[in-house]
Amino acid sequence: MDLRYFELHDILCEASIALEGGHDAAAAALLQRALRWIEADWLATPAEIRGGSPIAPAVPHEDEGDDD
C-alpha cells in the first residue's frame, strides 16, 4: 500500500479546518502547499520520487500485483 497520499489528505484536512475557522490566509497557504506536493509527486519521474524531495518525501513503492 502506498502511504504517500495520507500526507496529502492531512494537508487538505488542515486547510479545510483553517477555512472553517475563518483563517483564510492559513487555508490558502495549506492549499498552495498541497498543490506543490501534487506537482512534485505527480509530475516527478520515478527516480525523483525515490530520491525524495522536501515537498513530497520518498516512500518505498510496492509492486502493483501485491494488493491482497
N, C-alpha and C. Protein backbone atom coordinates (compact mmCIF):
# COMPACT_ATOMS: atom_id res chain seq x y z
N MET A 1 0.85 -1.18 0.00
CA MET A 1 0.00 0.00 0.00
C MET A 1 0.89 1.24 0.00
N ASP A 2 0.54 2.19 -0.81
CA ASP A 2 1.30 3.43 -0.94
C ASP A 2 0.75 4.44 0.07
N LEU A 3 1.56 4.80 1.04
CA LEU A 3 1.11 5.67 2.13
C LEU A 3 1.38 7.15 1.88
N ARG A 4 1.98 7.51 0.74
CA ARG A 4 2.33 8.89 0.48
C ARG A 4 1.12 9.81 0.48
N TYR A 5 -0.01 9.31 0.08
CA TYR A 5 -1.17 10.18 -0.08
C TYR A 5 -1.86 10.52 1.24
N PHE A 6 -1.49 9.85 2.32
CA PHE A 6 -2.00 10.24 3.62
C PHE A 6 -1.51 11.63 3.99
N GLU A 7 -0.28 11.96 3.59
CA GLU A 7 0.24 13.31 3.85
C GLU A 7 -0.60 14.34 3.11
N LEU A 8 -0.94 14.08 1.87
CA LEU A 8 -1.78 15.00 1.11
C LEU A 8 -3.15 15.13 1.77
N HIS A 9 -3.71 14.03 2.20
CA HIS A 9 -5.01 14.05 2.88
C HIS A 9 -4.93 14.93 4.13
N ASP A 10 -3.87 14.78 4.91
CA ASP A 10 -3.70 15.58 6.12
C ASP A 10 -3.61 17.07 5.81
N ILE A 11 -2.87 17.42 4.76
CA ILE A 11 -2.74 18.83 4.38
C ILE A 11 -4.10 19.40 4.00
N LEU A 12 -4.87 18.65 3.21
CA LEU A 12 -6.18 19.13 2.78
C LEU A 12 -7.16 19.22 3.95
N CYS A 13 -7.06 18.31 4.89
CA CYS A 13 -7.91 18.38 6.09
C CYS A 13 -7.56 19.62 6.92
N GLU A 14 -6.28 19.89 7.08
CA GLU A 14 -5.86 21.09 7.81
C GLU A 14 -6.38 22.35 7.12
N ALA A 15 -6.33 22.37 5.79
CA ALA A 15 -6.83 23.53 5.05
C ALA A 15 -8.33 23.70 5.27
N SER A 16 -9.06 22.61 5.26
CA SER A 16 -10.50 22.67 5.49
C SER A 16 -10.81 23.19 6.89
N ILE A 17 -10.09 22.72 7.88
CA ILE A 17 -10.29 23.17 9.25
C ILE A 17 -9.96 24.66 9.38
N ALA A 18 -8.87 25.09 8.75
CA ALA A 18 -8.49 26.51 8.79
C ALA A 18 -9.57 27.36 8.12
N LEU A 19 -10.10 26.90 7.01
CA LEU A 19 -11.14 27.64 6.30
C LEU A 19 -12.40 27.76 7.14
N GLU A 20 -12.80 26.65 7.76
CA GLU A 20 -13.98 26.67 8.62
C GLU A 20 -13.78 27.57 9.83
N GLY A 21 -12.55 27.69 10.29
CA GLY A 21 -12.24 28.53 11.44
C GLY A 21 -12.07 30.00 11.09
N GLY A 22 -12.19 30.33 9.81
CA GLY A 22 -12.06 31.71 9.39
C GLY A 22 -10.63 32.16 9.18
N HIS A 23 -9.71 31.24 9.10
CA HIS A 23 -8.30 31.55 8.89
C HIS A 23 -7.97 31.41 7.41
N ASP A 24 -8.43 32.38 6.63
CA ASP A 24 -8.30 32.30 5.18
C ASP A 24 -6.85 32.25 4.71
N ALA A 25 -5.98 33.02 5.33
CA ALA A 25 -4.57 33.06 4.92
C ALA A 25 -3.91 31.70 5.17
N ALA A 26 -4.21 31.09 6.31
CA ALA A 26 -3.64 29.77 6.62
C ALA A 26 -4.18 28.72 5.66
N ALA A 27 -5.47 28.80 5.34
CA ALA A 27 -6.06 27.85 4.40
C ALA A 27 -5.43 28.00 3.02
N ALA A 28 -5.22 29.23 2.59
CA ALA A 28 -4.59 29.46 1.28
C ALA A 28 -3.17 28.92 1.26
N ALA A 29 -2.43 29.13 2.34
CA ALA A 29 -1.05 28.62 2.41
C ALA A 29 -1.03 27.09 2.36
N LEU A 30 -1.96 26.46 3.05
CA LEU A 30 -2.03 25.00 3.05
C LEU A 30 -2.43 24.47 1.68
N LEU A 31 -3.33 25.15 1.00
CA LEU A 31 -3.71 24.72 -0.35
C LEU A 31 -2.54 24.87 -1.32
N GLN A 32 -1.76 25.93 -1.16
CA GLN A 32 -0.57 26.09 -2.01
C GLN A 32 0.43 24.97 -1.72
N ARG A 33 0.57 24.61 -0.45
CA ARG A 33 1.46 23.50 -0.09
C ARG A 33 0.97 22.19 -0.71
N ALA A 34 -0.34 21.96 -0.67
CA ALA A 34 -0.90 20.75 -1.28
C ALA A 34 -0.65 20.74 -2.78
N LEU A 35 -0.81 21.88 -3.42
CA LEU A 35 -0.57 21.96 -4.86
C LEU A 35 0.89 21.66 -5.18
N ARG A 36 1.81 22.21 -4.40
CA ARG A 36 3.24 21.92 -4.61
C ARG A 36 3.51 20.42 -4.42
N TRP A 37 2.86 19.82 -3.42
CA TRP A 37 3.04 18.39 -3.15
C TRP A 37 2.56 17.59 -4.36
N ILE A 38 1.39 17.93 -4.88
CA ILE A 38 0.83 17.22 -6.03
C ILE A 38 1.74 17.37 -7.25
N GLU A 39 2.18 18.60 -7.51
CA GLU A 39 3.05 18.82 -8.65
C GLU A 39 4.36 18.06 -8.51
N ALA A 40 4.93 18.06 -7.32
CA ALA A 40 6.20 17.37 -7.10
C ALA A 40 6.04 15.86 -7.25
N ASP A 41 4.91 15.33 -6.79
CA ASP A 41 4.70 13.90 -6.82
C ASP A 41 4.23 13.41 -8.18
N TRP A 42 3.24 14.04 -8.76
CA TRP A 42 2.64 13.55 -9.99
C TRP A 42 3.41 13.94 -11.23
N LEU A 43 4.20 14.99 -11.17
CA LEU A 43 4.98 15.39 -12.33
C LEU A 43 6.42 14.92 -12.24
N ALA A 44 6.75 14.22 -11.17
CA ALA A 44 8.11 13.74 -10.96
C ALA A 44 8.34 12.45 -11.74
N THR A 45 9.60 12.20 -12.06
CA THR A 45 9.97 10.92 -12.65
C THR A 45 10.13 9.91 -11.52
N PRO A 46 10.09 8.61 -11.81
CA PRO A 46 10.28 7.62 -10.75
C PRO A 46 11.58 7.81 -9.97
N ALA A 47 12.65 8.23 -10.64
CA ALA A 47 13.92 8.44 -9.94
C ALA A 47 13.81 9.60 -8.96
N GLU A 48 13.09 10.65 -9.32
CA GLU A 48 12.92 11.79 -8.42
C GLU A 48 12.08 11.41 -7.21
N ILE A 49 11.08 10.57 -7.41
CA ILE A 49 10.23 10.14 -6.30
C ILE A 49 11.05 9.30 -5.33
N ARG A 50 11.85 8.37 -5.84
CA ARG A 50 12.67 7.53 -4.96
C ARG A 50 13.76 8.33 -4.29
N GLY A 51 14.26 9.37 -4.97
CA GLY A 51 15.32 10.19 -4.40
C GLY A 51 14.82 11.11 -3.32
N GLY A 52 13.54 11.43 -3.34
CA GLY A 52 12.95 12.26 -2.31
C GLY A 52 13.05 13.74 -2.64
N SER A 53 12.18 14.50 -2.05
CA SER A 53 12.19 15.94 -2.18
C SER A 53 11.65 16.52 -0.89
N PRO A 54 11.94 17.78 -0.59
CA PRO A 54 11.43 18.36 0.65
C PRO A 54 9.92 18.51 0.66
N ILE A 55 9.29 18.52 -0.51
CA ILE A 55 7.85 18.70 -0.57
C ILE A 55 7.13 17.37 -0.48
N ALA A 56 7.58 16.40 -1.23
CA ALA A 56 6.96 15.08 -1.24
C ALA A 56 8.00 14.03 -0.89
N PRO A 57 8.14 13.68 0.39
CA PRO A 57 9.17 12.73 0.78
C PRO A 57 8.96 11.36 0.15
N ALA A 58 10.06 10.69 -0.11
CA ALA A 58 10.00 9.38 -0.77
C ALA A 58 9.53 8.30 0.19
N VAL A 59 8.72 7.41 -0.33
CA VAL A 59 8.26 6.25 0.41
C VAL A 59 8.44 5.07 -0.53
N PRO A 60 8.98 3.96 -0.05
CA PRO A 60 9.18 2.81 -0.95
C PRO A 60 7.88 2.38 -1.60
N HIS A 61 7.96 2.05 -2.87
CA HIS A 61 6.79 1.58 -3.60
C HIS A 61 6.71 0.06 -3.52
N GLU A 62 5.50 -0.45 -3.47
CA GLU A 62 5.29 -1.89 -3.51
C GLU A 62 4.85 -2.25 -4.92
N ASP A 63 5.06 -3.49 -5.29
CA ASP A 63 4.62 -3.96 -6.59
C ASP A 63 3.10 -3.89 -6.68
N GLU A 64 2.60 -3.56 -7.86
CA GLU A 64 1.16 -3.45 -8.08
C GLU A 64 0.44 -4.77 -7.89
N GLY A 65 1.12 -5.89 -8.12
CA GLY A 65 0.50 -7.20 -8.03
C GLY A 65 0.30 -7.72 -6.62
N ASP A 66 0.79 -7.02 -5.61
CA ASP A 66 0.72 -7.49 -4.23
C ASP A 66 -0.44 -6.91 -3.45
N ASP A 67 -1.52 -6.49 -4.09
CA ASP A 67 -2.66 -5.89 -3.40
C ASP A 67 -3.63 -6.95 -2.94
N ASP A 68 -3.29 -7.66 -1.89
CA ASP A 68 -4.18 -8.71 -1.38
C ASP A 68 -5.03 -8.17 -0.27
